[in-house]
Protein backbone atom coordinates (compact mmCIF):
# COMPACT_ATOMS: atom_id res chain seq x y z
CA MET A 1 -0.10 0.10 -0.02
CA LYS A 2 1.16 3.37 -1.20
CA ILE A 3 0.79 7.17 0.77
CA TYR A 4 1.41 10.14 -0.61
CA ASN A 5 3.38 11.42 1.90
CA THR A 6 3.04 15.58 1.57
CA LEU A 7 6.41 15.16 4.07
CA THR A 8 8.11 13.66 1.27
CA ARG A 9 6.00 15.16 -1.68
CA LYS A 10 6.18 11.38 -3.40
CA LYS A 11 3.94 7.96 -2.29
CA GLU A 12 5.83 5.67 -0.49
CA GLU A 13 5.11 2.42 0.96
CA PHE A 14 3.19 1.83 4.23
CA VAL A 15 5.38 0.71 7.24
CA PRO A 16 3.54 0.76 10.37
CA LEU A 17 6.03 1.75 13.17
CA GLU A 18 4.24 -1.47 14.81
CA GLU A 19 3.47 -4.31 12.84
CA GLY A 20 -0.33 -5.03 12.46
CA LYS A 21 -0.94 -1.19 14.15
CA VAL A 22 -1.49 2.20 12.85
CA ARG A 23 -1.46 4.99 14.86
CA MET A 24 -3.39 7.83 13.05
CA TYR A 25 -4.25 11.19 14.71
CA VAL A 26 -6.49 13.78 12.51
CA CYS A 27 -7.45 17.13 13.37
CA GLY A 28 -10.87 17.75 14.37
CA PRO A 29 -13.17 20.78 14.37
CA THR A 30 -13.48 24.17 16.13
CA VAL A 31 -16.83 23.81 17.55
CA TYR A 32 -18.77 27.16 17.72
CA ASN A 33 -20.64 26.39 15.36
CA LEU A 34 -22.66 24.05 12.80
CA ILE A 35 -19.80 21.87 11.18
CA HIS A 36 -19.81 23.19 7.51
CA ILE A 37 -18.96 20.63 4.50
CA GLY A 38 -15.86 22.00 4.51
CA ASN A 39 -14.87 19.88 7.68
CA ALA A 40 -16.75 17.19 6.22
CA ARG A 41 -14.72 16.16 3.74
CA PRO A 42 -11.67 15.32 5.57
CA MET A 43 -14.17 13.49 8.07
CA ILE A 44 -15.96 11.48 5.84
CA VAL A 45 -12.22 10.48 3.59
CA PHE A 46 -10.10 9.73 6.55
CA ASP A 47 -13.01 7.82 7.99
CA THR A 48 -12.60 6.20 4.97
CA VAL A 49 -9.43 5.40 5.02
CA ARG A 50 -8.93 3.99 8.56
CA ARG A 51 -12.11 1.81 7.73
CA TYR A 52 -9.42 0.25 4.40
CA LEU A 53 -6.78 -0.05 6.59
CA GLU A 54 -9.20 -2.49 9.06
CA HIS A 55 -9.72 -4.27 6.20
CA LYS A 56 -6.24 -4.19 5.62
CA GLY A 57 -6.15 -6.12 8.97
CA TYR A 58 -4.39 -3.30 10.35
CA GLU A 59 -5.87 -2.32 14.65
CA VAL A 60 -6.39 1.13 14.30
CA ASN A 61 -5.84 3.58 17.36
CA TYR A 62 -7.65 6.60 15.74
CA VAL A 63 -7.83 10.04 17.41
CA SER A 64 -9.62 12.82 16.47
CA ASN A 65 -9.72 15.96 19.09
CA PHE A 66 -12.79 18.77 19.21
CA THR A 67 -10.97 22.20 19.64
CA ASP A 68 -13.50 23.70 22.75
CA VAL A 69 -11.80 26.52 22.97
CA ASP A 70 -10.83 29.09 21.17
CA ASP A 71 -11.51 32.78 20.37
CA LYS A 72 -14.94 32.28 17.99
CA ILE A 73 -15.61 30.31 21.25
CA ILE A 74 -15.19 32.71 23.12
CA LYS A 75 -16.95 35.29 21.49
CA LYS A 76 -19.97 33.55 20.46
CA ALA A 77 -20.36 33.04 24.44
CA ASN A 78 -19.73 36.71 24.80
CA GLU A 79 -22.82 37.44 22.11
CA GLU A 80 -25.07 35.25 23.97
CA GLY A 81 -24.20 35.84 27.00
CA VAL A 82 -23.46 32.20 28.31
CA ASP A 83 -19.90 30.54 29.63
CA PRO A 84 -17.80 29.34 26.29
CA SER A 85 -18.36 25.89 28.02
CA VAL A 86 -21.94 25.96 26.89
CA ILE A 87 -21.52 26.94 23.40
CA SER A 88 -18.72 23.98 23.08
CA GLN A 89 -20.58 21.42 24.53
CA ARG A 90 -23.24 22.48 22.48
CA TYR A 91 -21.78 22.27 19.03
CA ILE A 92 -19.93 18.81 19.78
CA LYS A 93 -23.53 17.26 20.56
CA GLU A 94 -24.22 18.94 16.68
CA ALA A 95 -21.41 17.74 15.00
CA GLN A 96 -21.21 14.47 16.65
CA LYS A 97 -25.10 14.22 14.68
CA ASP A 98 -23.57 16.16 11.69
CA MET A 99 -20.75 12.70 12.14
CA ALA A 100 -23.51 9.63 12.71
CA ASP A 101 -25.54 11.07 9.69
CA LEU A 102 -22.09 11.32 7.44
CA ASN A 103 -21.89 8.10 8.36
CA VAL A 104 -18.46 8.89 9.92
CA ARG A 105 -17.55 5.84 12.60
CA GLU A 106 -16.41 7.83 16.55
CA ALA A 107 -12.91 7.95 16.73
CA THR A 108 -11.18 5.24 19.40
CA HIS A 109 -10.65 8.47 21.14
CA HIS A 110 -12.41 11.85 20.48
CA PRO A 111 -10.60 14.23 23.12
CA LYS A 112 -11.42 17.75 24.09
CA ALA A 113 -8.60 20.25 24.79
CA THR A 114 -10.03 21.54 27.49
CA GLU A 115 -9.88 18.02 29.59
CA GLU A 116 -5.91 17.56 28.33
CA ILE A 117 -4.53 21.25 29.63
CA GLY A 118 -2.73 19.75 32.38
CA GLY A 119 -0.34 17.89 29.45
CA MET A 120 0.16 20.12 27.99
CA ILE A 121 1.26 22.51 30.46
CA GLN A 122 3.66 19.79 31.05
CA MET A 123 4.99 19.71 27.67
CA ILE A 124 5.80 22.98 27.45
CA GLN A 125 7.87 23.04 30.40
CA THR A 126 9.84 20.59 28.58
CA LEU A 127 9.79 23.05 26.00
CA ILE A 128 11.46 25.28 28.15
CA ASP A 129 13.16 23.31 30.00
CA LYS A 130 14.89 21.99 27.14
CA GLY A 131 16.06 25.69 25.76
CA HIS A 132 12.75 25.69 22.62
CA ALA A 133 11.05 28.64 24.78
CA TYR A 134 10.58 31.47 26.93
CA GLU A 135 8.19 33.16 29.00
CA VAL A 136 7.81 36.84 28.86
CA ASN A 137 5.24 38.28 30.66
CA GLY A 138 2.96 35.34 31.11
CA THR A 139 3.74 34.57 27.52
CA VAL A 140 5.42 31.63 26.71
CA TYR A 141 6.69 31.37 23.37
CA PHE A 142 7.95 28.54 20.82
CA LYS A 143 11.98 29.77 19.73
CA THR A 144 11.11 28.94 16.03
CA ARG A 145 14.88 29.30 15.37
CA SER A 146 15.80 26.58 17.60
CA PHE A 147 14.59 24.05 15.81
CA LYS A 148 16.97 23.67 12.05
CA ASP A 149 14.00 21.38 10.44
CA TYR A 150 11.54 24.41 10.83
CA GLY A 151 9.20 24.49 7.59
CA LYS A 152 10.33 20.51 5.88
CA LEU A 153 6.49 20.13 6.10
CA SER A 154 5.56 22.86 4.19
CA LYS A 155 8.75 23.67 2.55
CA LYS A 156 9.00 27.23 3.34
CA ASN A 157 12.69 28.93 3.97
CA ILE A 158 12.86 30.40 7.23
CA ASP A 159 14.84 33.21 6.00
CA ASP A 160 12.62 33.75 3.62
CA LEU A 161 9.56 34.63 6.33
CA GLU A 162 11.70 36.48 8.22
CA ALA A 163 12.65 38.53 4.85
CA GLY A 164 9.28 39.24 3.97
CA HIS A 165 6.76 37.10 3.84
CA ARG A 166 4.62 37.87 7.11
CA ASP A 167 2.47 34.55 7.39
CA ILE A 168 3.33 33.58 11.04
CA LYS A 169 4.11 37.12 12.13
CA VAL A 170 1.83 38.29 14.81
CA THR A 171 1.47 42.43 15.59
CA GLY A 172 1.25 43.40 19.29
CA GLU A 173 3.56 40.80 20.95
CA GLU A 174 5.97 42.75 22.97
CA GLY A 175 8.96 41.24 24.32
CA LYS A 176 8.79 38.45 21.39
CA LYS A 177 12.77 37.68 20.74
CA ASP A 178 11.99 36.75 17.14
CA PRO A 179 9.03 37.37 15.18
CA LEU A 180 8.91 34.02 13.87
CA ASP A 181 8.43 32.43 17.34
CA PHE A 182 4.72 31.47 17.94
CA VAL A 183 2.33 31.25 21.01
CA LEU A 184 2.59 28.32 23.40
CA TRP A 185 0.67 29.74 26.46
CA LYS A 186 -1.11 33.45 26.86
CA PRO A 187 -2.13 35.20 29.54
CA LYS A 188 -5.93 35.38 30.99
CA LYS A 189 -7.74 37.66 29.74
CA GLU A 190 -10.43 39.56 31.63
CA GLY A 191 -14.16 38.08 30.84
CA GLU A 192 -11.63 34.59 29.15
CA PRO A 193 -11.76 31.12 30.60
CA SER A 194 -8.80 30.41 32.34
CA TRP A 195 -6.74 27.73 33.95
CA PRO A 196 -3.66 27.78 36.43
CA SER A 197 -0.01 27.63 35.58
CA PRO A 198 3.02 28.69 36.30
CA TRP A 199 3.03 30.79 34.41
CA GLY A 200 0.15 33.00 35.64
CA ASP A 201 -3.49 32.38 34.77
CA GLY A 202 -4.32 31.65 31.19
CA ARG A 203 -4.76 29.02 28.42
CA PRO A 204 -2.85 27.13 25.61
CA GLY A 205 -1.89 28.28 21.91
CA TRP A 206 -3.76 26.59 19.23
CA HIS A 207 -0.99 24.09 18.08
CA ILE A 208 0.28 22.51 21.25
CA GLU A 209 -3.30 21.49 21.73
CA CYS A 210 -2.86 18.58 18.70
CA SER A 211 0.45 18.16 19.89
CA GLU A 212 -0.43 17.19 23.67
CA MET A 213 -3.85 15.32 22.42
CA SER A 214 -1.47 13.01 19.58
CA LYS A 215 1.21 12.36 22.56
CA LYS A 216 -0.62 11.36 25.07
CA TYR A 217 -3.32 8.95 23.34
CA LEU A 218 -1.15 7.82 20.72
CA GLY A 219 2.73 8.25 22.08
CA ASP A 220 5.29 10.19 20.98
CA GLN A 221 6.19 9.19 17.41
CA ILE A 222 2.32 8.29 15.12
CA ASP A 223 2.21 6.85 12.12
CA ILE A 224 -0.07 8.95 10.09
CA HIS A 225 -1.13 12.83 10.55
CA ALA A 226 -3.94 14.13 8.57
CA GLY A 227 -6.34 17.02 8.43
CA GLY A 228 -7.14 19.24 5.33
CA GLU A 229 -4.38 21.12 3.47
CA ASP A 230 -5.13 24.94 4.81
CA LEU A 231 -3.78 23.09 7.89
CA ILE A 232 -0.27 22.10 6.55
CA PHE A 233 1.21 25.71 7.24
CA PRO A 234 1.45 27.14 10.61
CA HIS A 235 -0.61 24.41 12.42
CA HIS A 236 1.32 20.94 11.14
CA GLU A 237 4.37 23.07 10.51
CA ASN A 238 4.50 23.93 14.30
CA GLU A 239 3.17 20.70 15.30
CA ILE A 240 6.10 19.49 14.35
CA ALA A 241 8.04 21.86 15.23
CA GLN A 242 7.22 21.83 18.99
CA SER A 243 6.63 17.52 19.49
CA GLU A 244 9.95 16.78 17.76
CA ALA A 245 11.98 19.15 20.18
CA CYS A 246 9.95 18.24 22.92
CA ASN A 247 10.16 14.29 22.41
CA GLY A 248 13.45 13.77 20.42
CA LYS A 249 11.97 11.95 17.97
CA GLU A 250 9.81 12.05 14.43
CA PHE A 251 6.97 13.31 15.23
CA ALA A 252 4.74 11.38 11.85
CA ARG A 253 5.54 9.35 9.45
CA TYR A 254 3.31 10.06 6.89
CA TRP A 255 1.60 13.72 6.93
CA MET A 256 -1.77 13.13 4.54
CA HIS A 257 -3.93 16.37 3.14
CA ASN A 258 -7.07 16.38 2.00
CA GLY A 259 -7.61 19.13 -0.72
CA PHE A 260 -9.87 22.47 -0.63
CA LEU A 261 -13.62 21.89 -1.48
CA ASN A 262 -14.98 25.18 -3.68
CA ILE A 263 -18.58 26.14 -4.73
CA ASP A 264 -19.46 26.12 -8.00
CA ASN A 265 -16.33 26.26 -8.76
CA VAL A 266 -15.28 29.30 -6.12
CA LYS A 267 -13.65 29.38 -2.71
CA MET A 268 -16.81 29.25 0.10
CA SER A 269 -16.91 31.56 2.61
CA LYS A 270 -19.55 33.61 4.70
CA SER A 271 -18.91 36.79 2.64
CA LEU A 272 -19.77 35.38 -1.02
CA GLY A 273 -23.08 33.50 0.66
CA ASN A 274 -21.96 30.44 -0.84
CA PHE A 275 -21.21 29.10 2.50
CA PHE A 276 -23.35 25.70 3.64
CA THR A 277 -23.10 23.44 6.75
CA VAL A 278 -23.86 19.98 6.62
CA ARG A 279 -27.08 20.35 8.50
CA GLU A 280 -28.26 22.51 5.59
CA ILE A 281 -27.35 20.13 2.26
CA GLY A 282 -28.91 17.35 4.27
CA GLU A 283 -32.53 19.40 4.09
CA LYS A 284 -31.64 19.38 0.14
CA TYR A 285 -30.24 15.81 0.40
CA ASP A 286 -29.93 12.26 1.96
CA LEU A 287 -26.03 12.61 3.36
CA GLN A 288 -24.89 9.37 1.74
CA VAL A 289 -25.29 11.44 -1.64
CA LEU A 290 -22.35 14.15 0.30
CA ARG A 291 -20.56 10.99 0.96
CA PHE A 292 -20.63 9.90 -1.79
CA PHE A 293 -19.59 12.63 -3.37
CA MET A 294 -17.10 13.71 -1.43
CA LEU A 295 -15.54 10.43 -2.11
CA SER A 296 -16.31 10.51 -6.51
CA ALA A 297 -12.83 12.01 -6.66
CA HIS A 298 -9.58 11.87 -5.22
CA TYR A 299 -9.38 13.39 -1.86
CA ARG A 300 -5.83 15.41 -3.00
CA SER A 301 -7.52 16.73 -5.84
CA PRO A 302 -9.64 20.34 -5.13
CA LEU A 303 -13.11 18.97 -5.02
CA ASN A 304 -15.85 21.51 -7.00
CA PHE A 305 -19.63 21.26 -5.65
CA SER A 306 -22.52 21.82 -7.53
CA GLY A 307 -26.29 21.23 -7.37
CA GLU A 308 -25.75 19.00 -10.60
CA LEU A 309 -22.52 17.15 -9.50
CA MET A 310 -24.63 16.18 -6.08
CA ALA A 311 -27.62 15.02 -8.32
CA ALA A 312 -25.41 12.96 -10.07
CA ALA A 313 -23.51 11.84 -7.48
CA LYS A 314 -27.48 10.93 -6.00
CA ASN A 315 -28.78 8.92 -9.25
CA SER A 316 -24.62 7.43 -9.25
CA LEU A 317 -25.86 6.54 -5.47
CA GLU A 318 -28.97 4.95 -6.72
CA ARG A 319 -28.49 2.46 -9.07
CA ILE A 320 -26.56 0.90 -6.45
CA LEU A 321 -29.17 0.97 -3.84
CA THR A 322 -31.61 -0.56 -6.08
CA ALA A 323 -28.98 -3.31 -7.60
CA VAL A 324 -28.34 -4.34 -3.58
CA ASP A 325 -32.58 -4.08 -2.76
CA ARG A 326 -33.21 -6.35 -6.39
CA LEU A 327 -30.39 -8.60 -4.92
CA ARG A 328 -31.68 -8.53 -1.92
CA ASN A 329 -34.86 -9.61 -2.94
CA LEU A 330 -34.55 -11.60 -5.32
CA LYS A 331 -35.38 -15.87 -4.69
CA GLY A 332 -32.91 -17.71 -6.82
CA GLN A 333 -32.43 -21.56 -6.62
CA GLU A 334 -31.75 -24.38 -4.09
CA ARG A 335 -29.00 -25.61 -5.78
CA PRO A 336 -25.10 -25.81 -5.86
CA LEU A 337 -23.72 -23.49 -8.29
CA ASN A 338 -22.65 -24.39 -11.42
CA GLU A 339 -20.02 -23.46 -14.50
CA GLU A 340 -20.62 -20.34 -15.13
CA GLU A 341 -22.10 -19.20 -11.70
CA ASN A 342 -18.61 -19.97 -10.62
CA THR A 343 -16.60 -18.46 -13.09
CA GLN A 344 -18.71 -14.84 -12.73
CA LEU A 345 -17.75 -15.59 -9.08
CA GLN A 346 -14.40 -15.27 -9.93
CA ALA A 347 -14.77 -12.72 -12.44
CA LEU A 348 -16.09 -11.07 -9.53
CA ASP A 349 -13.12 -10.93 -7.41
CA LEU A 350 -11.36 -9.82 -9.52
CA LEU A 351 -13.32 -6.56 -9.39
CA CYS A 352 -12.45 -6.98 -5.49
CA GLN A 353 -9.04 -7.10 -6.27
CA LYS A 354 -8.96 -4.14 -8.66
CA PHE A 355 -11.33 -2.16 -5.31
CA ASP A 356 -8.30 -3.08 -3.62
CA LYS A 357 -5.55 -1.89 -6.04
CA ALA A 358 -7.23 1.11 -6.25
CA MET A 359 -7.52 1.63 -2.59
CA ASP A 360 -3.63 0.71 -2.45
CA ASP A 361 -2.51 3.05 -4.83
CA ASP A 362 -2.92 6.56 -1.78
CA PHE A 363 -6.57 5.76 -1.48
CA ASN A 364 -7.97 6.03 -4.81
CA THR A 365 -11.76 6.61 -3.98
CA ALA A 366 -12.82 7.01 -7.67
CA ASP A 367 -11.61 4.26 -9.54
CA ALA A 368 -12.75 1.88 -5.77
CA ILE A 369 -16.11 3.30 -6.72
CA ALA A 370 -15.95 2.58 -10.77
CA ALA A 371 -14.65 -1.55 -9.36
CA ILE A 372 -18.37 -1.13 -7.55
CA PHE A 373 -20.30 -0.12 -10.08
CA GLU A 374 -18.09 -3.44 -11.97
CA MET A 375 -19.44 -5.36 -9.18
CA VAL A 376 -23.44 -3.84 -10.08
CA LYS A 377 -23.04 -4.34 -13.46
CA LEU A 378 -22.24 -8.25 -13.00
CA ALA A 379 -24.43 -8.60 -10.13
CA ASN A 380 -27.77 -6.93 -12.69
CA ILE A 381 -26.53 -9.18 -15.59
CA GLN A 382 -25.63 -12.62 -13.55
CA ALA A 383 -27.91 -12.51 -10.64
CA GLN A 384 -31.25 -13.54 -12.30
CA PRO A 385 -34.80 -15.16 -10.82
CA GLU A 386 -32.51 -19.18 -12.35
CA SER A 387 -29.64 -18.68 -10.51
CA ALA A 388 -28.45 -20.22 -7.28
CA GLN A 389 -29.14 -18.55 -4.18
CA ASP A 390 -25.95 -19.41 -3.30
CA PHE A 391 -24.48 -17.27 -6.05
CA VAL A 392 -26.59 -14.58 -5.81
CA ASN A 393 -26.24 -14.45 -1.57
CA LYS A 394 -22.86 -14.07 -2.59
CA VAL A 395 -22.53 -11.29 -4.61
CA LEU A 396 -24.99 -8.97 -2.48
CA ASP A 397 -22.06 -9.68 0.37
CA THR A 398 -19.45 -8.84 -1.72
CA ILE A 399 -20.88 -5.63 -3.10
CA VAL A 400 -22.56 -4.90 0.42
CA LYS A 401 -19.23 -4.85 1.93
CA TYR A 402 -17.08 -3.40 -0.15
CA CYS A 403 -19.35 -0.11 0.18
CA ASP A 404 -19.33 -0.58 3.65
CA ILE A 405 -15.71 -0.54 3.31
CA LEU A 406 -16.42 2.98 2.26
CA GLY A 407 -19.41 3.96 4.55
CA ILE A 408 -21.58 3.51 2.41
CA ILE A 409 -24.36 2.81 3.70
CA THR A 410 -26.56 0.25 1.15
CA ASP A 411 -30.29 0.32 3.42
CA LYS A 412 -32.57 1.53 0.91
CA LYS A 413 -34.63 4.03 2.89
CA GLU A 414 -38.63 2.89 2.47
CA GLU A 415 -40.41 5.60 0.53
CA MET A 416 -43.45 6.89 2.69
CA LEU A 417 -46.97 6.94 1.15
CA ASP A 418 -47.91 10.14 0.41
CA GLU A 419 -51.55 9.24 3.20
CA ASP A 420 -48.56 9.15 5.43
CA VAL A 421 -46.95 11.77 5.10
CA GLU A 422 -49.80 14.41 4.89
CA ALA A 423 -51.06 12.71 7.97
CA LEU A 424 -47.54 13.41 9.91
CA ILE A 425 -47.58 17.07 8.60
CA GLN A 426 -51.45 17.12 10.51
CA GLU A 427 -49.73 15.88 13.62
CA ARG A 428 -46.83 18.70 13.18
CA GLN A 429 -49.23 21.29 12.66
CA ALA A 430 -51.78 20.58 16.11
CA ALA A 431 -48.59 19.82 18.18
CA ARG A 432 -47.28 23.55 17.08
CA LYS A 433 -50.52 24.76 17.84
CA ALA A 434 -50.64 23.48 20.76
CA LYS A 435 -46.86 24.86 21.67
CA ASN A 436 -44.82 21.54 21.54
CA PHE A 437 -41.94 22.26 19.43
CA ALA A 438 -39.91 19.26 20.50
CA ARG A 439 -42.88 16.79 19.06
CA ALA A 440 -42.96 19.46 15.94
CA ASP A 441 -39.54 19.33 15.66
CA GLU A 442 -39.50 15.02 16.10
CA ILE A 443 -41.99 15.01 13.04
CA ARG A 444 -39.87 17.31 11.22
CA GLN A 445 -36.70 15.15 11.25
CA MET A 446 -38.38 11.85 11.05
CA LEU A 447 -39.66 12.75 8.02
CA LEU A 448 -36.47 13.92 6.45
CA GLU A 449 -34.74 10.73 7.47
CA LYS A 450 -37.48 9.13 5.41
CA GLY A 451 -36.12 11.70 2.52
CA ILE A 452 -38.94 13.74 2.44
CA ILE A 453 -38.08 18.02 2.69
CA LEU A 454 -40.50 20.65 5.24
CA GLU A 455 -40.97 23.67 3.76
CA ASP A 456 -43.21 26.21 5.91
CA THR A 457 -44.75 29.17 3.71
CA ARG A 458 -48.02 31.69 4.11
CA GLU A 459 -49.56 29.54 1.52
CA GLY A 460 -49.73 26.69 4.66
CA VAL A 461 -46.55 23.43 4.97
CA LYS A 462 -44.57 22.62 1.33
CA TRP A 463 -43.44 19.17 0.34
CA LYS A 464 -41.27 17.53 -1.94
CA ARG A 465 -39.08 14.20 -1.78
CA ALA A 466 -35.08 14.49 -1.33
């Protein structure tokens, strides 16, 4: 199996630190709002990587954090007049719901930054003791030039950064020995959460959080560190510097980064009004369609999101689900397999190998999906009422298994009858009239899960099938 390593800029044979085991860390979301579809891409991509590694027989320790202390969380908490923990806990729950709806499996560990402060303080103290960090008026900085390999992941030259690139220079920080030094610990500000430390009350910098959580749950060295390509610099670069300076050994063997997601060929941003949460997309499409769409391109390629492409993904996924549904309802013959059926199962086995070959080549999910479509074609042609039941079952089990490796759920949702939809809408209206909004929301969600989208208008409730 080969993985494209951002560190070396080439595909490398995957050799884990410990035979049969994989230690993998994926940077998770900052929880101040509902996750957007840009957040969803690394979640889906690296969940699929994990599933495939497990398919190959590896035991995967998969760690993905929640950043639950951050300027954006504090800002939102101040706007709402609540404690920042109220905001972070709310949006951790919402993120977990969206991840479940995307069929992203729970990580082995989902550490929260606020629960790991003690370890971060220890790590910062070690960096000070080793001469890689220093304290000025309650702020602790990492001494960037003390780490000779700084820039090895992003391929940025430290002298170029000094000469004019202002990527990591922060204004208004008095007492810094070098403009390239970055914050490990920041002193308390009025109205912000803080924790006691040897340098005074304060909170950690963003970069140290992931270094410490990775160290605690996976050890000083890990196999795979992953995230979106926007994290390469400065976040992952700084993680390498502080982890390797602290632990005295290579931090991660393989660095994986997914490409950006654009909306109608334009970068997603709130100011352009092309910013979509997973929840909003879930009101228009089954989120399995979003997952399928994300996997239809190679994870390192930029991905363009549009209504047309999502419609195409929906149709493609429907072909697979329809084929699986047909196989589940197909009653074959109770007899031994004949020669032709055995030949077809050999052809099916070759398609399984084709799937594995695609995934072994840096997790090429696009080609893996193409192999599944060939399985579907074989099923549609070869599996018939006159086929042996064992042949039908084998074809069905194989397609379901390989879809599951990609996290594609093959259970087809039963379509609701129009009169059942109307009856639930009436019940929802009655619940709203009685101010039982919890029941009204429950009915809306129930209908959404069945692919029914409600729209409240002045003329009344309108509905359509997703």
